[in-house]
Amino acid sequence: MERGSVPAADFEDKMFEQNVIGDPFKQPSDKSSKPLIAGVLLMIAGGLSILWWLSIAAIDVSLIETFILPELESMVPEYDSMDISAESIKELFVICGTVGFFLSVFAILGGIMSVRRQLWGLALAGGILGLFTFAPIIPISSILSLIAIILIVISRKEFQ
């Protein structure tokens, strides 16, 4: 037998011992991936909502005059007696965009807390506030937030 060589039986025993120790990258069995999935969903929902609300707040007055006011005139019979201008609609969009932006930031913060498995209440609050970051046309962020809330509530025991 050469120096430094290991018999096959010893080599198999050492391989078995290494497998018994376990994989250092494997998650402990008492933790699931539910908080991680919920956190990622909340961060995606918050990011999509931020994009939506920033685009709403950035709409130009000329676009409002061109597209929104004619539609408003056709939908509301009493439009002539109302004092609605493109500037007032722009102000409303900026206010709604600001509120939606801050709700989206809280959804992202809740997602971060869920990924870190810390502050269960803040993660849940971020998910609940994420429900209100909906886009009227595409409510995907609210749906993602609802799924995240369910996952956060189910995995409450995994938070510190």
Protein backbone atom coordinates (compact mmCIF):
# COMPACT_ATOMS: atom_id res chain seq x y z
CA MET A 1 0.00 0.00 0.00
CA GLU A 2 1.34 3.41 -0.93
CA ARG A 3 1.89 6.15 1.53
CA GLY A 4 -1.09 8.55 1.72
CA SER A 5 -3.57 6.17 0.18
CA VAL A 6 -6.73 5.36 2.08
CA PRO A 7 -8.37 1.94 1.83
CA ALA A 8 -11.77 2.01 0.13
CA ALA A 9 -13.61 0.94 3.30
CA ASP A 10 -12.11 3.80 5.31
CA PHE A 11 -12.94 6.25 2.55
CA GLU A 12 -16.60 5.13 2.52
CA ASP A 13 -16.77 5.42 6.32
CA LYS A 14 -15.46 8.99 6.17
CA MET A 15 -17.98 9.89 3.46
CA PHE A 16 -20.78 8.44 5.60
CA GLU A 17 -19.60 10.45 8.62
CA GLN A 18 -19.60 13.64 6.55
CA ASN A 19 -23.17 13.00 5.41
CA VAL A 20 -24.29 12.37 8.98
CA ILE A 21 -22.97 15.77 10.03
CA GLY A 22 -25.19 17.40 7.45
CA ASP A 23 -25.09 20.12 4.88
CA PRO A 24 -24.13 23.49 6.39
CA PHE A 25 -26.31 25.30 3.85
CA LYS A 26 -29.45 23.32 4.60
CA GLN A 27 -32.15 25.11 6.61
CA PRO A 28 -33.10 23.68 9.98
CA SER A 29 -36.25 21.58 9.75
CA ASP A 30 -38.24 23.85 12.09
CA LYS A 31 -38.09 26.78 9.65
CA SER A 32 -40.01 26.89 6.42
CA SER A 33 -39.64 29.18 3.46
CA LYS A 34 -43.05 30.82 3.98
CA PRO A 35 -41.70 34.06 5.52
CA LEU A 36 -39.14 34.32 2.72
CA ILE A 37 -41.79 33.88 0.03
CA ALA A 38 -44.09 36.36 1.80
CA GLY A 39 -41.29 38.90 2.05
CA VAL A 40 -40.40 38.61 -1.61
CA LEU A 41 -44.08 38.96 -2.59
CA LEU A 42 -44.44 42.06 -0.43
CA MET A 43 -41.32 43.63 -1.88
CA ILE A 44 -42.52 42.94 -5.43
CA ALA A 45 -45.96 44.36 -4.60
CA GLY A 46 -44.40 47.45 -3.04
CA GLY A 47 -42.06 47.98 -5.99
CA LEU A 48 -44.86 47.67 -8.54
CA SER A 49 -47.00 50.05 -6.51
CA ILE A 50 -44.23 52.61 -6.26
CA LEU A 51 -43.86 52.57 -10.03
CA TRP A 52 -47.63 52.94 -10.47
CA TRP A 53 -48.09 55.79 -8.01
CA LEU A 54 -45.04 57.71 -9.20
CA SER A 55 -46.33 57.51 -12.76
CA ILE A 56 -49.76 58.75 -11.63
CA ALA A 57 -48.19 61.66 -9.73
CA ALA A 58 -46.06 62.55 -12.76
CA ILE A 59 -48.95 62.86 -15.26
CA ASP A 60 -48.79 66.14 -17.12
CA VAL A 61 -51.68 68.63 -17.14
CA SER A 62 -51.84 68.48 -20.95
CA LEU A 63 -52.52 64.73 -20.78
CA ILE A 64 -55.30 65.38 -18.29
CA GLU A 65 -56.85 68.00 -20.59
CA THR A 66 -56.52 65.71 -23.62
CA PHE A 67 -57.70 62.38 -22.22
CA ILE A 68 -59.32 62.63 -18.79
CA LEU A 69 -61.46 65.78 -19.01
CA PRO A 70 -63.29 64.70 -22.23
CA GLU A 71 -64.07 61.33 -20.64
CA LEU A 72 -65.26 63.07 -17.48
CA GLU A 73 -67.55 65.32 -19.54
CA SER A 74 -69.11 62.33 -21.27
CA MET A 75 -69.60 60.33 -18.04
CA VAL A 76 -70.92 63.06 -15.72
CA PRO A 77 -74.05 64.87 -16.95
CA GLU A 78 -73.64 67.78 -14.50
CA TYR A 79 -70.05 68.45 -15.58
CA ASP A 80 -70.84 71.94 -16.91
CA SER A 81 -72.03 73.09 -13.48
CA MET A 82 -68.98 71.63 -11.74
CA ASP A 83 -65.79 73.59 -11.35
CA ILE A 84 -63.24 70.93 -12.25
CA SER A 85 -60.00 71.93 -13.90
CA ALA A 86 -57.03 69.96 -15.12
CA GLU A 87 -54.93 71.55 -12.36
CA SER A 88 -57.29 70.32 -9.63
CA ILE A 89 -57.20 66.80 -11.07
CA LYS A 90 -53.39 67.02 -11.19
CA GLU A 91 -53.36 68.02 -7.50
CA LEU A 92 -55.58 65.05 -6.67
CA PHE A 93 -53.23 62.73 -8.56
CA VAL A 94 -50.21 64.10 -6.69
CA ILE A 95 -51.94 63.62 -3.31
CA CYS A 96 -53.04 60.08 -4.17
CA GLY A 97 -49.58 59.30 -5.57
CA THR A 98 -47.90 60.51 -2.39
CA VAL A 99 -50.16 58.45 -0.13
CA GLY A 100 -49.76 55.39 -2.37
CA PHE A 101 -45.98 55.84 -2.39
CA PHE A 102 -45.75 55.83 1.41
CA LEU A 103 -48.05 52.81 1.69
CA SER A 104 -45.80 51.03 -0.80
CA VAL A 105 -42.73 51.86 1.26
CA PHE A 106 -44.38 50.26 4.30
CA ALA A 107 -45.16 47.17 2.21
CA ILE A 108 -41.48 46.91 1.26
CA LEU A 109 -40.46 47.39 4.90
CA GLY A 110 -42.86 44.60 5.92
CA GLY A 111 -41.31 42.40 3.23
CA ILE A 112 -37.83 43.05 4.59
CA MET A 113 -38.95 42.16 8.12
CA SER A 114 -40.57 38.99 6.83
CA VAL A 115 -37.42 37.88 5.01
CA ARG A 116 -35.37 38.54 8.16
CA ARG A 117 -38.05 36.78 10.30
CA GLN A 118 -38.13 39.72 12.69
CA LEU A 119 -40.94 41.89 14.06
CA TRP A 120 -43.94 39.79 13.04
CA GLY A 121 -46.32 42.68 13.75
CA LEU A 122 -44.46 45.04 11.42
CA ALA A 123 -44.35 42.39 8.69
CA LEU A 124 -48.10 41.86 9.08
CA ALA A 125 -48.77 45.62 9.11
CA GLY A 126 -46.70 45.99 5.93
CA GLY A 127 -48.81 43.29 4.30
CA ILE A 128 -52.05 44.93 5.39
CA LEU A 129 -50.93 48.34 4.13
CA GLY A 130 -49.83 46.62 0.94
CA LEU A 131 -53.47 45.72 0.32
CA PHE A 132 -54.21 49.43 -0.09
CA THR A 133 -51.47 50.05 -2.66
CA PHE A 134 -53.65 48.73 -5.46
CA ALA A 135 -53.62 50.08 -8.95
CA PRO A 136 -57.19 50.56 -10.18
CA ILE A 137 -56.46 48.91 -13.52
CA ILE A 138 -54.20 46.06 -12.39
CA PRO A 139 -54.74 44.96 -8.76
CA ILE A 140 -51.72 42.61 -8.79
CA SER A 141 -50.01 44.32 -5.86
CA SER A 142 -53.06 43.82 -3.65
CA ILE A 143 -53.28 40.16 -4.63
CA LEU A 144 -49.60 39.62 -3.87
CA SER A 145 -50.02 41.39 -0.52
CA LEU A 146 -53.00 39.19 0.37
CA ILE A 147 -51.01 36.03 -0.36
CA ALA A 148 -48.13 37.43 1.71
CA ILE A 149 -50.46 38.18 4.64
CA ILE A 150 -51.71 34.60 4.63
CA LEU A 151 -48.14 33.25 4.60
CA ILE A 152 -47.06 35.62 7.39
CA VAL A 153 -50.00 34.65 9.61
CA ILE A 154 -49.38 30.93 9.03
CA SER A 155 -45.68 31.23 9.89
CA ARG A 156 -45.99 33.42 12.99
CA LYS A 157 -43.98 31.02 15.18
CA GLU A 158 -40.94 31.37 12.92
CA PHE A 159 -40.50 35.07 13.72
CA GLN A 160 -38.28 36.29 16.57
